[in-house]
Amino acid sequence: MADGTAVSYGLGRVLPGQRDSSLLWHKDITQLLRDQLGMTPHTPYPCMLTTSDNSCFMLIHVDDSLVVGRRDFVMEKLVGCLKSKYELATQLMERPGDEVHFVKGKMTLLPDGRLTMHVQQMCNLLGLNKRLQGKKTPGHADMDQQVSGEWPAEAKVFRICVGVLLYLAADLPHCQHVGDTLLLTAHNMTVLKHLASFLACQEDVCLSLKWQGHAAGISHKYPSVSAIETLVEVYTDSDWACDKSTRRSVSCATIFWGCCLLHSSSRTQKLVSLSSGEAEVYSCSSGPGASDSILLTRLIAWMAGFSVVTVLHTDS
């Protein structure tokens, strides 16, 4: 202290081995799956595992797992293997109306094959009634304005809701830019409630994944793609200096495979671009453009066994 007195501080809720717990858990479960079922992880992305014949894929997120594969193998062998060592709860998605929960999100299978994401948790936290909401856009008019002053008592609710948005944003492209803004700006409960109201009343706005073929693109087909290759399209764009306080730009990218949206993102650039062209180049060459597509193309090649042809489109 300034007056020369000594003050001792202690870290609360930090248990021995807490930093290593996730790594030890991943090593334990992957070793079990490797020994019992012969499943192997992807080298650059070890949270994904597959069987030797690529008939079943598994994504591990801490203690949550998402599995795609044949029902007999998943329910009899995989579930049985995990239950032999761990306590396990399972949910199946087979028929329209079935629901599964994964990483703070609830997904429902519709009769036409689409998946819808539910935001009931945020509505409950914010005290919103889904039936009374009528927002037509995800972004509020004052979204880019900074809110000054101390955070009110509802700051905890704000942080929880933004944390939930981080998990849901991967499956809700229309809320990614607003969610990124909420992360970087000060507490703005009005913008958060506006976004939650839009998501609550627009649950029918969801991803529709309809496979169009290995050589299919969004605007046209690519006849030069051979039978042993598959096409991945990457679209990038950016604004220029939209942040009024830092003058940084926002990059966005969408990545398609067979006309199906695999990944989309909206991120604030880490540098200040001196022109709109520089902002476009940064969006294309760095995240979320080429860098994300490299990981996804490697995963596709690993899962599908095809050589991947990447086509990059950017707006300039």
C-alpha atoms as a PDB file:
ATOM      1  CA  MET A   1       0.000   0.000   0.000  1.00  0.00           C
ATOM      2  CA  ALA A   2       1.011   3.664  -0.340  1.00  0.00           C
ATOM      3  CA  ASP A   3       1.419   4.034   3.421  1.00  0.00           C
ATOM      4  CA  GLY A   4       3.796   1.068   3.656  1.00  0.00           C
ATOM      5  CA  THR A   5       1.345  -1.455   5.155  1.00  0.00           C
ATOM      6  CA  ALA A   6       1.316  -4.993   3.782  1.00  0.00           C
ATOM      7  CA  VAL A   7      -1.933  -6.572   2.545  1.00  0.00           C
ATOM      8  CA  SER A   8      -2.311 -10.262   1.729  1.00  0.00           C
ATOM      9  CA  TYR A   9      -4.688 -11.503  -0.967  1.00  0.00           C
ATOM     10  CA  GLY A  10      -5.882 -15.035  -1.638  1.00  0.00           C
ATOM     11  CA  LEU A  11      -7.364 -16.647  -4.744  1.00  0.00           C
ATOM     12  CA  GLY A  12     -10.833 -17.993  -4.094  1.00  0.00           C
ATOM     13  CA  ARG A  13     -12.336 -21.108  -5.680  1.00  0.00           C
ATOM     14  CA  VAL A  14      -9.077 -22.245  -7.258  1.00  0.00           C
ATOM     15  CA  LEU A  15      -8.713 -25.963  -6.599  1.00  0.00           C
ATOM     16  CA  PRO A  16      -5.459 -27.926  -6.997  1.00  0.00           C
ATOM     17  CA  GLY A  17      -5.197 -29.267 -10.526  1.00  0.00           C
ATOM     18  CA  GLN A  18      -8.009 -27.088 -11.831  1.00  0.00           C
ATOM     19  CA  ARG A  19      -5.969 -25.895 -14.796  1.00  0.00           C
ATOM     20  CA  ASP A  20      -5.151 -29.481 -15.793  1.00  0.00           C
ATOM     21  CA  SER A  21      -8.607 -30.981 -15.245  1.00  0.00           C
ATOM     22  CA  SER A  22      -9.864 -30.456 -18.821  1.00  0.00           C
ATOM     23  CA  LEU A  23      -6.685 -31.913 -20.320  1.00  0.00           C
ATOM     24  CA  LEU A  24      -6.746 -34.925 -18.000  1.00  0.00           C
ATOM     25  CA  TRP A  25     -10.424 -35.538 -18.736  1.00  0.00           C
ATOM     26  CA  HIS A  26      -9.808 -35.398 -22.496  1.00  0.00           C
ATOM     27  CA  LYS A  27      -6.882 -37.796 -22.234  1.00  0.00           C
ATOM     28  CA  ASP A  28      -8.931 -40.227 -20.141  1.00  0.00           C
ATOM     29  CA  ILE A  29     -12.003 -40.371 -22.374  1.00  0.00           C
ATOM     30  CA  THR A  30     -10.042 -40.504 -25.642  1.00  0.00           C
ATOM     31  CA  GLN A  31      -7.854 -43.290 -24.262  1.00  0.00           C
ATOM     32  CA  LEU A  32     -10.981 -45.271 -23.327  1.00  0.00           C
ATOM     33  CA  LEU A  33     -12.520 -44.815 -26.780  1.00  0.00           C
ATOM     34  CA  ARG A  34      -9.220 -45.684 -28.448  1.00  0.00           C
ATOM     35  CA  ASP A  35      -8.720 -48.889 -26.440  1.00  0.00           C
ATOM     36  CA  GLN A  36     -12.315 -50.152 -26.484  1.00  0.00           C
ATOM     37  CA  LEU A  37     -13.644 -48.996 -29.876  1.00  0.00           C
ATOM     38  CA  GLY A  38     -10.567 -48.075 -31.885  1.00  0.00           C
ATOM     39  CA  MET A  39     -11.674 -44.440 -32.261  1.00  0.00           C
ATOM     40  CA  THR A  40      -8.914 -41.965 -33.096  1.00  0.00           C
ATOM     41  CA  PRO A  41      -8.836 -38.154 -32.685  1.00  0.00           C
ATOM     42  CA  HIS A  42      -8.096 -35.682 -35.460  1.00  0.00           C
ATOM     43  CA  THR A  43      -4.503 -34.506 -35.057  1.00  0.00           C
ATOM     44  CA  PRO A  44      -4.963 -30.726 -35.551  1.00  0.00           C
ATOM     45  CA  TYR A  45      -8.400 -30.788 -33.848  1.00  0.00           C
ATOM     46  CA  PRO A  46      -8.247 -33.500 -31.141  1.00  0.00           C
ATOM     47  CA  CYS A  47     -11.740 -32.861 -29.760  1.00  0.00           C
ATOM     48  CA  MET A  48     -13.149 -34.729 -32.801  1.00  0.00           C
ATOM     49  CA  LEU A  49     -12.884 -38.517 -33.015  1.00  0.00           C
ATOM     50  CA  THR A  50     -13.919 -41.100 -35.593  1.00  0.00           C
ATOM     51  CA  THR A  51     -14.096 -44.859 -36.009  1.00  0.00           C
ATOM     52  CA  SER A  52     -11.743 -46.719 -38.335  1.00  0.00           C
ATOM     53  CA  ASP A  53     -14.410 -46.962 -41.063  1.00  0.00           C
ATOM     54  CA  ASN A  54     -15.592 -43.330 -40.635  1.00  0.00           C
ATOM     55  CA  SER A  55     -19.117 -44.519 -39.815  1.00  0.00           C
ATOM     56  CA  CYS A  56     -19.329 -42.553 -36.559  1.00  0.00           C
ATOM     57  CA  PHE A  57     -18.007 -39.131 -35.565  1.00  0.00           C
ATOM     58  CA  MET A  58     -17.879 -37.655 -32.076  1.00  0.00           C
ATOM     59  CA  LEU A  59     -17.345 -34.053 -30.948  1.00  0.00           C
ATOM     60  CA  ILE A  60     -16.260 -33.568 -27.321  1.00  0.00           C
ATOM     61  CA  HIS A  61     -16.805 -30.242 -25.564  1.00  0.00           C
ATOM     62  CA  VAL A  62     -15.611 -30.698 -21.958  1.00  0.00           C
ATOM     63  CA  ASP A  63     -18.283 -33.029 -20.494  1.00  0.00           C
ATOM     64  CA  ASP A  64     -20.762 -32.645 -23.409  1.00  0.00           C
ATOM     65  CA  SER A  65     -20.529 -34.762 -26.544  1.00  0.00           C
ATOM     66  CA  LEU A  66     -22.308 -34.669 -29.895  1.00  0.00           C
ATOM     67  CA  VAL A  67     -22.316 -37.929 -31.875  1.00  0.00           C
ATOM     68  CA  VAL A  68     -23.355 -38.696 -35.459  1.00  0.00           C
ATOM     69  CA  GLY A  69     -23.440 -42.316 -36.613  1.00  0.00           C
ATOM     70  CA  ARG A  70     -25.405 -45.526 -36.991  1.00  0.00           C
ATOM     71  CA  ARG A  71     -27.948 -46.040 -34.231  1.00  0.00           C
ATOM     72  CA  ASP A  72     -26.884 -49.612 -33.424  1.00  0.00           C
ATOM     73  CA  PHE A  73     -23.233 -48.648 -32.997  1.00  0.00           C
ATOM     74  CA  VAL A  74     -23.945 -45.470 -31.025  1.00  0.00           C
ATOM     75  CA  MET A  75     -26.504 -46.912 -28.596  1.00  0.00           C
ATOM     76  CA  GLU A  76     -25.040 -50.369 -28.120  1.00  0.00           C
ATOM     77  CA  LYS A  77     -21.279 -49.999 -28.379  1.00  0.00           C
ATOM     78  CA  LEU A  78     -20.436 -46.322 -27.812  1.00  0.00           C
ATOM     79  CA  VAL A  79     -22.958 -45.648 -25.041  1.00  0.00           C
ATOM     80  CA  GLY A  80     -22.191 -48.982 -23.433  1.00  0.00           C
ATOM     81  CA  CYS A  81     -18.480 -48.230 -23.466  1.00  0.00           C
ATOM     82  CA  LEU A  82     -18.940 -44.830 -21.824  1.00  0.00           C
ATOM     83  CA  LYS A  83     -21.395 -46.150 -19.228  1.00  0.00           C
ATOM     84  CA  SER A  84     -18.887 -48.758 -18.154  1.00  0.00           C
ATOM     85  CA  LYS A  85     -16.748 -45.994 -16.640  1.00  0.00           C
ATOM     86  CA  TYR A  86     -18.807 -42.780 -16.425  1.00  0.00           C
ATOM     87  CA  GLU A  87     -22.288 -41.628 -15.468  1.00  0.00           C
ATOM     88  CA  LEU A  88     -24.065 -40.839 -18.728  1.00  0.00           C
ATOM     89  CA  ALA A  89     -27.299 -39.229 -19.936  1.00  0.00           C
ATOM     90  CA  THR A  90     -28.250 -39.524 -23.624  1.00  0.00           C
ATOM     91  CA  GLN A  91     -30.675 -37.776 -25.979  1.00  0.00           C
ATOM     92  CA  LEU A  92     -31.583 -38.971 -29.476  1.00  0.00           C
ATOM     93  CA  MET A  93     -32.689 -36.992 -32.519  1.00  0.00           C
ATOM     94  CA  GLU A  94     -34.364 -39.364 -34.966  1.00  0.00           C
ATOM     95  CA  ARG A  95     -37.891 -38.135 -35.736  1.00  0.00           C
ATOM     96  CA  PRO A  96     -39.538 -34.706 -36.168  1.00  0.00           C
ATOM     97  CA  GLY A  97     -40.169 -33.126 -32.793  1.00  0.00           C
ATOM     98  CA  ASP A  98     -37.146 -34.709 -31.110  1.00  0.00           C
ATOM     99  CA  GLU A  99     -35.020 -32.332 -29.033  1.00  0.00           C
ATOM    100  CA  VAL A 100     -31.391 -32.407 -27.928  1.00  0.00           C
ATOM    101  CA  HIS A 101     -29.410 -30.104 -25.653  1.00  0.00           C
ATOM    102  CA  PHE A 102     -25.784 -29.333 -26.478  1.00  0.00           C
ATOM    103  CA  VAL A 103     -23.589 -26.553 -25.064  1.00  0.00           C
ATOM    104  CA  LYS A 104     -26.363 -24.340 -23.627  1.00  0.00           C
ATOM    105  CA  GLY A 105     -28.535 -24.714 -26.714  1.00  0.00           C
ATOM    106  CA  LYS A 106     -31.733 -26.683 -27.330  1.00  0.00           C
ATOM    107  CA  MET A 107     -32.333 -27.893 -30.875  1.00  0.00           C
ATOM    108  CA  THR A 108     -35.581 -29.284 -32.294  1.00  0.00           C
ATOM    109  CA  LEU A 109     -35.901 -31.317 -35.499  1.00  0.00           C
ATOM    110  CA  LEU A 110     -38.664 -30.045 -37.806  1.00  0.00           C
ATOM    111  CA  PRO A 111     -40.632 -32.215 -40.287  1.00  0.00           C
ATOM    112  CA  ASP A 112     -38.811 -30.660 -43.266  1.00  0.00           C
ATOM    113  CA  GLY A 113     -35.382 -31.572 -41.838  1.00  0.00           C
ATOM    114  CA  ARG A 114     -34.450 -28.171 -40.397  1.00  0.00           C
ATOM    115  CA  LEU A 115     -33.099 -27.601 -36.907  1.00  0.00           C
ATOM    116  CA  THR A 116     -34.397 -24.744 -34.771  1.00  0.00           C
ATOM    117  CA  MET A 117     -32.558 -23.161 -31.843  1.00  0.00           C
ATOM    118  CA  HIS A 118     -34.460 -22.094 -28.730  1.00  0.00           C
ATOM    119  CA  VAL A 119     -33.633 -19.081 -26.558  1.00  0.00           C
ATOM    120  CA  GLN A 120     -36.024 -19.693 -23.697  1.00  0.00           C
ATOM    121  CA  GLN A 121     -33.188 -19.459 -21.156  1.00  0.00           C
ATOM    122  CA  MET A 122     -32.408 -15.848 -22.129  1.00  0.00           C
ATOM    123  CA  CYS A 123     -36.098 -14.938 -22.139  1.00  0.00           C
ATOM    124  CA  ASN A 124     -36.449 -16.247 -18.602  1.00  0.00           C
ATOM    125  CA  LEU A 125     -33.373 -14.362 -17.403  1.00  0.00           C
ATOM    126  CA  LEU A 126     -34.523 -11.098 -19.001  1.00  0.00           C
ATOM    127  CA  GLY A 127     -38.160 -11.488 -17.983  1.00  0.00           C
ATOM    128  CA  LEU A 128     -39.428 -11.535 -21.582  1.00  0.00           C
ATOM    129  CA  ASN A 129     -42.627 -13.183 -22.779  1.00  0.00           C
ATOM    130  CA  LYS A 130     -42.044 -14.845 -26.144  1.00  0.00           C
ATOM    131  CA  ARG A 131     -45.669 -14.318 -27.167  1.00  0.00           C
ATOM    132  CA  LEU A 132     -45.434 -10.554 -26.705  1.00  0.00           C
ATOM    133  CA  GLN A 133     -42.272  -9.973 -28.745  1.00  0.00           C
ATOM    134  CA  GLY A 134     -42.386  -8.547 -32.263  1.00  0.00           C
ATOM    135  CA  LYS A 135     -38.902  -7.412 -33.271  1.00  0.00           C
ATOM    136  CA  LYS A 136     -38.158  -7.674 -36.983  1.00  0.00           C
ATOM    137  CA  THR A 137     -34.395  -7.047 -36.914  1.00  0.00           C
ATOM    138  CA  PRO A 138     -31.687  -8.348 -34.547  1.00  0.00           C
ATOM    139  CA  GLY A 139     -29.892  -5.013 -34.193  1.00  0.00           C
ATOM    140  CA  HIS A 140     -31.152  -2.053 -32.166  1.00  0.00           C
ATOM    141  CA  ALA A 141     -30.879   1.483 -33.572  1.00  0.00           C
ATOM    142  CA  ASP A 142     -28.543   2.480 -30.714  1.00  0.00           C
ATOM    143  CA  MET A 143     -26.375  -0.624 -31.026  1.00  0.00           C
ATOM    144  CA  ASP A 144     -23.152   1.288 -31.796  1.00  0.00           C
ATOM    145  CA  GLN A 145     -23.532   3.849 -29.028  1.00  0.00           C
ATOM    146  CA  GLN A 146     -21.404   3.533 -25.906  1.00  0.00           C
ATOM    147  CA  VAL A 147     -23.184   3.402 -22.538  1.00  0.00           C
ATOM    148  CA  SER A 148     -21.339   5.256 -19.779  1.00  0.00           C
ATOM    149  CA  GLY A 149     -21.698   4.989 -16.029  1.00  0.00           C
ATOM    150  CA  GLU A 150     -21.551   2.135 -13.554  1.00  0.00           C
ATOM    151  CA  TRP A 151     -23.226  -1.164 -14.261  1.00  0.00           C
ATOM    152  CA  PRO A 152     -26.567  -1.603 -12.489  1.00  0.00           C
ATOM    153  CA  ALA A 153     -27.628  -4.570 -10.383  1.00  0.00           C
ATOM    154  CA  GLU A 154     -28.692  -6.490 -13.533  1.00  0.00           C
ATOM    155  CA  ALA A 155     -25.081  -6.678 -14.771  1.00  0.00           C
ATOM    156  CA  LYS A 156     -24.869 -10.344 -13.720  1.00  0.00           C
ATOM    157  CA  VAL A 157     -27.845 -11.197 -15.909  1.00  0.00           C
ATOM    158  CA  PHE A 158     -26.230  -9.285 -18.777  1.00  0.00           C
ATOM    159  CA  ARG A 159     -22.991 -11.282 -18.494  1.00  0.00           C
ATOM    160  CA  ILE A 160     -24.853 -14.605 -18.339  1.00  0.00           C
ATOM    161  CA  CYS A 161     -26.923 -13.785 -21.418  1.00  0.00           C
ATOM    162  CA  VAL A 162     -23.868 -12.672 -23.421  1.00  0.00           C
ATOM    163  CA  GLY A 163     -22.143 -15.919 -22.402  1.00  0.00           C
ATOM    164  CA  VAL A 164     -25.128 -17.903 -23.704  1.00  0.00           C
ATOM    165  CA  LEU A 165     -24.972 -15.932 -26.960  1.00  0.00           C
ATOM    166  CA  LEU A 166     -21.353 -16.987 -27.439  1.00  0.00           C
ATOM    167  CA  TYR A 167     -22.500 -20.603 -27.593  1.00  0.00           C
ATOM    168  CA  LEU A 168     -25.614 -19.987 -29.698  1.00  0.00           C
ATOM    169  CA  ALA A 169     -23.943 -17.690 -32.252  1.00  0.00           C
ATOM    170  CA  ALA A 170     -22.379 -20.586 -34.180  1.00  0.00           C
ATOM    171  CA  ASP A 171     -25.885 -21.747 -35.178  1.00  0.00           C
ATOM    172  CA  LEU A 172     -27.499 -18.296 -35.357  1.00  0.00           C
ATOM    173  CA  PRO A 173     -25.603 -16.260 -37.985  1.00  0.00           C
ATOM    174  CA  HIS A 174     -28.144 -13.423 -37.826  1.00  0.00           C
ATOM    175  CA  CYS A 175     -27.154 -12.583 -34.236  1.00  0.00           C
ATOM    176  CA  GLN A 176     -23.361 -12.762 -34.567  1.00  0.00           C
ATOM    177  CA  HIS A 177     -22.680  -9.089 -35.277  1.00  0.00           C
ATOM    178  CA  VAL A 178     -24.897  -7.896 -32.427  1.00  0.00           C
ATOM    179  CA  GLY A 179     -23.325 -10.429 -30.082  1.00  0.00           C
ATOM    180  CA  ASP A 180     -19.839  -9.250 -31.028  1.00  0.00           C
ATOM    181  CA  THR A 181     -20.913  -5.657 -30.377  1.00  0.00           C
ATOM    182  CA  LEU A 182     -22.260  -6.565 -26.931  1.00  0.00           C
ATOM    183  CA  LEU A 183     -18.909  -8.138 -26.060  1.00  0.00           C
ATOM    184  CA  LEU A 184     -16.879  -5.067 -26.983  1.00  0.00           C
ATOM    185  CA  THR A 185     -19.140  -2.258 -25.797  1.00  0.00           C
ATOM    186  CA  ALA A 186     -20.207  -1.317 -22.307  1.00  0.00           C
ATOM    187  CA  HIS A 187     -23.307  -2.658 -20.614  1.00  0.00           C
ATOM    188  CA  ASN A 188     -26.310  -2.074 -22.907  1.00  0.00           C
ATOM    189  CA  MET A 189     -29.333  -3.985 -21.677  1.00  0.00           C
ATOM    190  CA  THR A 190     -31.603  -2.338 -24.253  1.00  0.00           C
ATOM    191  CA  VAL A 191     -29.648  -3.846 -27.164  1.00  0.00           C
ATOM    192  CA  LEU A 192     -29.518  -7.253 -25.450  1.00  0.00           C
ATOM    193  CA  LYS A 193     -33.275  -7.324 -24.825  1.00  0.00           C
ATOM    194  CA  HIS A 194     -33.917  -6.248 -28.415  1.00  0.00           C
ATOM    195  CA  LEU A 195     -31.809  -9.140 -29.729  1.00  0.00           C
ATOM    196  CA  ALA A 196     -33.405 -11.670 -27.352  1.00  0.00           C
ATOM    197  CA  SER A 197     -36.861 -10.450 -28.398  1.00  0.00           C
ATOM    198  CA  PHE A 198     -35.987 -10.916 -32.076  1.00  0.00           C
ATOM    199  CA  LEU A 199     -34.645 -14.440 -31.506  1.00  0.00           C
ATOM    200  CA  ALA A 200     -37.686 -15.378 -29.412  1.00  0.00           C
ATOM    201  CA  CYS A 201     -40.242 -14.367 -32.034  1.00  0.00           C
ATOM    202  CA  GLN A 202     -38.205 -15.498 -35.061  1.00  0.00           C
ATOM    203  CA  GLU A 203     -37.412 -19.103 -34.122  1.00  0.00           C
ATOM    204  CA  ASP A 204     -38.562 -20.193 -37.580  1.00  0.00           C
ATOM    205  CA  VAL A 205     -35.501 -18.383 -38.991  1.00  0.00           C
ATOM    206  CA  CYS A 206     -33.050 -21.269 -38.972  1.00  0.00           C
ATOM    207  CA  LEU A 207     -30.416 -23.041 -41.036  1.00  0.00           C
ATOM    208  CA  SER A 208     -31.631 -25.302 -43.835  1.00  0.00           C
ATOM    209  CA  LEU A 209     -28.922 -27.739 -44.919  1.00  0.00           C
ATOM    210  CA  LYS A 210     -29.737 -29.277 -48.312  1.00  0.00           C
ATOM    211  CA  TRP A 211     -26.841 -31.057 -49.980  1.00  0.00           C
ATOM    212  CA  GLN A 212     -26.396 -30.004 -53.634  1.00  0.00           C
ATOM    213  CA  GLY A 213     -23.355 -32.063 -54.597  1.00  0.00           C
ATOM    214  CA  HIS A 214     -19.568 -31.954 -54.342  1.00  0.00           C
ATOM    215  CA  ALA A 215     -19.173 -29.543 -57.278  1.00  0.00           C
ATOM    216  CA  ALA A 216     -22.068 -27.240 -56.421  1.00  0.00           C
ATOM    217  CA  GLY A 217     -21.525 -23.588 -55.605  1.00  0.00           C
ATOM    218  CA  ILE A 218     -23.869 -20.908 -54.389  1.00  0.00           C
ATOM    219  CA  SER A 219     -24.179 -19.175 -57.772  1.00  0.00           C
ATOM    220  CA  HIS A 220     -23.108 -21.920 -60.188  1.00  0.00           C
ATOM    221  CA  LYS A 221     -21.500 -25.355 -60.481  1.00  0.00           C
ATOM    222  CA  TYR A 222     -17.794 -25.969 -61.045  1.00  0.00           C
ATOM    223  CA  PRO A 223     -17.401 -28.638 -63.770  1.00  0.00           C
ATOM    224  CA  SER A 224     -13.624 -28.687 -63.300  1.00  0.00           C
ATOM    225  CA  VAL A 225     -14.015 -30.385 -59.893  1.00  0.00           C
ATOM    226  CA  SER A 226     -13.187 -34.071 -60.384  1.00  0.00           C
ATOM    227  CA  ALA A 227     -14.897 -37.119 -58.866  1.00  0.00           C
ATOM    228  CA  ILE A 228     -12.287 -37.403 -56.117  1.00  0.00           C
ATOM    229  CA  GLU A 229     -12.497 -33.741 -55.153  1.00  0.00           C
ATOM    230  CA  THR A 230     -15.029 -31.637 -53.263  1.00  0.00           C
ATOM    231  CA  LEU A 231     -15.624 -27.886 -53.361  1.00  0.00           C
ATOM    232  CA  VAL A 232     -15.593 -25.445 -50.451  1.00  0.00           C
ATOM    233  CA  GLU A 233     -16.631 -21.831 -51.065  1.00  0.00           C
ATOM    234  CA  VAL A 234     -15.535 -18.984 -48.786  1.00  0.00           C
ATOM    235  CA  TYR A 235     -17.208 -15.563 -48.928  1.00  0.00           C
ATOM    236  CA  THR A 236     -15.678 -12.641 -47.004  1.00  0.00           C
ATOM    237  CA  ASP A 237     -16.615  -9.003 -46.551  1.00  0.00           C
ATOM    238  CA  SER A 238     -15.982  -6.126 -44.172  1.00  0.00           C
ATOM    239  CA  ASP A 239     -17.103  -2.632 -43.379  1.00  0.00           C
ATOM    240  CA  TRP A 240     -14.650   0.179 -42.787  1.00  0.00           C
ATOM    241  CA  ALA A 241     -14.009   1.859 -39.437  1.00  0.00           C
ATOM    242  CA  CYS A 242     -17.510   1.325 -38.077  1.00  0.00           C
ATOM    243  CA  ASP A 243     -16.389   1.489 -34.436  1.00  0.00           C
ATOM    244  CA  LYS A 244     -16.687   5.166 -33.518  1.00  0.00           C
ATOM    245  CA  SER A 245     -14.289   4.921 -30.586  1.00  0.00           C
ATOM    246  CA  THR A 246     -11.459   2.793 -32.042  1.00  0.00           C
ATOM    247  CA  ARG A 247     -12.168   3.184 -35.810  1.00  0.00           C
ATOM    248  CA  ARG A 248     -11.641  -0.531 -36.268  1.00  0.00           C
ATOM    249  CA  SER A 249     -13.481  -2.459 -38.978  1.00  0.00           C
ATOM    250  CA  VAL A 250     -15.594  -5.613 -38.716  1.00  0.00           C
ATOM    251  CA  SER A 251     -14.845  -8.703 -40.812  1.00  0.00           C
ATOM    252  CA  CYS A 252     -17.340 -11.407 -41.695  1.00  0.00           C
ATOM    253  CA  ALA A 253     -17.103 -14.731 -43.501  1.00  0.00           C
ATOM    254  CA  THR A 254     -19.388 -17.573 -44.588  1.00  0.00           C
ATOM    255  CA  ILE A 255     -18.063 -20.980 -45.600  1.00  0.00           C
ATOM    256  CA  PHE A 256     -20.188 -23.337 -47.738  1.00  0.00           C
ATOM    257  CA  TRP A 257     -19.790 -27.001 -48.664  1.00  0.00           C
ATOM    258  CA  GLY A 258     -22.217 -28.409 -51.212  1.00  0.00           C
ATOM    259  CA  CYS A 259     -24.274 -25.196 -50.781  1.00  0.00           C
ATOM    260  CA  CYS A 260     -24.611 -25.957 -47.057  1.00  0.00           C
ATOM    261  CA  LEU A 261     -23.444 -23.314 -44.592  1.00  0.00           C
ATOM    262  CA  LEU A 262     -20.678 -24.871 -42.495  1.00  0.00           C
ATOM    263  CA  HIS A 263     -19.441 -21.823 -40.617  1.00  0.00           C
ATOM    264  CA  SER A 264     -20.053 -18.094 -40.343  1.00  0.00           C
ATOM    265  CA  SER A 265     -18.532 -15.440 -38.127  1.00  0.00           C
ATOM    266  CA  SER A 266     -18.365 -11.715 -37.464  1.00  0.00           C
ATOM    267  CA  ARG A 267     -15.259 -10.325 -35.768  1.00  0.00           C
ATOM    268  CA  THR A 268     -13.789  -6.937 -35.067  1.00  0.00           C
ATOM    269  CA  GLN A 269     -10.392  -6.539 -36.721  1.00  0.00           C
ATOM    270  CA  LYS A 270      -7.350  -6.186 -34.472  1.00  0.00           C
ATOM    271  CA  LEU A 271      -5.820  -3.331 -36.450  1.00  0.00           C
ATOM    272  CA  VAL A 272      -7.008   0.006 -37.813  1.00  0.00           C
ATOM    273  CA  SER A 273      -7.344  -0.178 -41.601  1.00  0.00           C
ATOM    274  CA  LEU A 274      -6.423   2.997 -43.454  1.00  0.00           C
ATOM    275  CA  SER A 275      -8.723   2.254 -46.399  1.00  0.00           C
ATOM    276  CA  SER A 276     -11.722   0.088 -47.262  1.00  0.00           C
ATOM    277  CA  GLY A 277      -9.497  -1.998 -49.531  1.00  0.00           C
ATOM    278  CA  GLU A 278      -7.103  -2.741 -46.669  1.00  0.00           C
ATOM    279  CA  ALA A 279     -10.043  -3.805 -44.504  1.00  0.00           C
ATOM    280  CA  GLU A 280     -11.210  -6.187 -47.252  1.00  0.00           C
ATOM    281  CA  VAL A 281      -7.734  -7.710 -47.675  1.00  0.00           C
ATOM    282  CA  TYR A 282      -7.407  -8.265 -43.947  1.00  0.00           C
ATOM    283  CA  SER A 283     -10.852  -9.903 -43.807  1.00  0.00           C
ATOM    284  CA  CYS A 284      -9.957 -12.201 -46.706  1.00  0.00           C
ATOM    285  CA  SER A 285      -6.441 -13.249 -45.743  1.00  0.00           C
ATOM    286  CA  SER A 286      -6.743 -13.436 -41.974  1.00  0.00           C
ATOM    287  CA  GLY A 287      -9.613 -14.361 -39.679  1.00  0.00           C
ATOM    288  CA  PRO A 288     -12.372 -15.051 -40.322  1.00  0.00           C
ATOM    289  CA  GLY A 289     -11.598 -15.864 -43.958  1.00  0.00           C
ATOM    290  CA  ALA A 290      -8.698 -18.013 -45.072  1.00  0.00           C
ATOM    291  CA  SER A 291      -7.578 -19.061 -41.577  1.00  0.00           C
ATOM    292  CA  ASP A 292     -10.966 -20.592 -40.672  1.00  0.00           C
ATOM    293  CA  SER A 293     -11.318 -22.256 -44.063  1.00  0.00           C
ATOM    294  CA  ILE A 294      -7.951 -24.019 -43.650  1.00  0.00           C
ATOM    295  CA  LEU A 295      -9.180 -25.793 -40.521  1.00  0.00           C
ATOM    296  CA  LEU A 296     -12.539 -26.705 -42.060  1.00  0.00           C
ATOM    297  CA  THR A 297     -11.036 -28.047 -45.289  1.00  0.00           C
ATOM    298  CA  ARG A 298      -8.703 -30.265 -43.271  1.00  0.00           C
ATOM    299  CA  LEU A 299     -11.640 -31.578 -41.266  1.00  0.00           C
ATOM    300  CA  ILE A 300     -13.620 -32.298 -44.459  1.00  0.00           C
ATOM    301  CA  ALA A 301     -10.685 -34.121 -46.016  1.00  0.00           C
ATOM    302  CA  TRP A 302     -10.303 -36.157 -42.814  1.00  0.00           C
ATOM    303  CA  MET A 303     -14.012 -37.001 -42.516  1.00  0.00           C
ATOM    304  CA  ALA A 304     -15.050 -37.454 -46.155  1.00  0.00           C
ATOM    305  CA  GLY A 305     -11.769 -38.615 -47.688  1.00  0.00           C
ATOM    306  CA  PHE A 306     -11.915 -36.094 -50.556  1.00  0.00           C
ATOM    307  CA  SER A 307      -9.314 -33.675 -51.814  1.00  0.00           C
ATOM    308  CA  VAL A 308     -10.719 -30.220 -51.139  1.00  0.00           C
ATOM    309  CA  VAL A 309     -10.787 -27.411 -53.699  1.00  0.00           C
ATOM    310  CA  THR A 310     -11.230 -24.013 -52.017  1.00  0.00           C
ATOM    311  CA  VAL A 311     -12.701 -21.026 -53.866  1.00  0.00           C
ATOM    312  CA  LEU A 312     -12.372 -17.677 -52.078  1.00  0.00           C
ATOM    313  CA  HIS A 313     -14.718 -14.782 -52.886  1.00  0.00           C
ATOM    314  CA  THR A 314     -14.286 -11.306 -51.432  1.00  0.00           C
ATOM    315  CA  ASP A 315     -16.087  -8.027 -51.945  1.00  0.00           C
ATOM    316  CA  SER A 316     -13.819  -5.163 -52.940  1.00  0.00           C
END
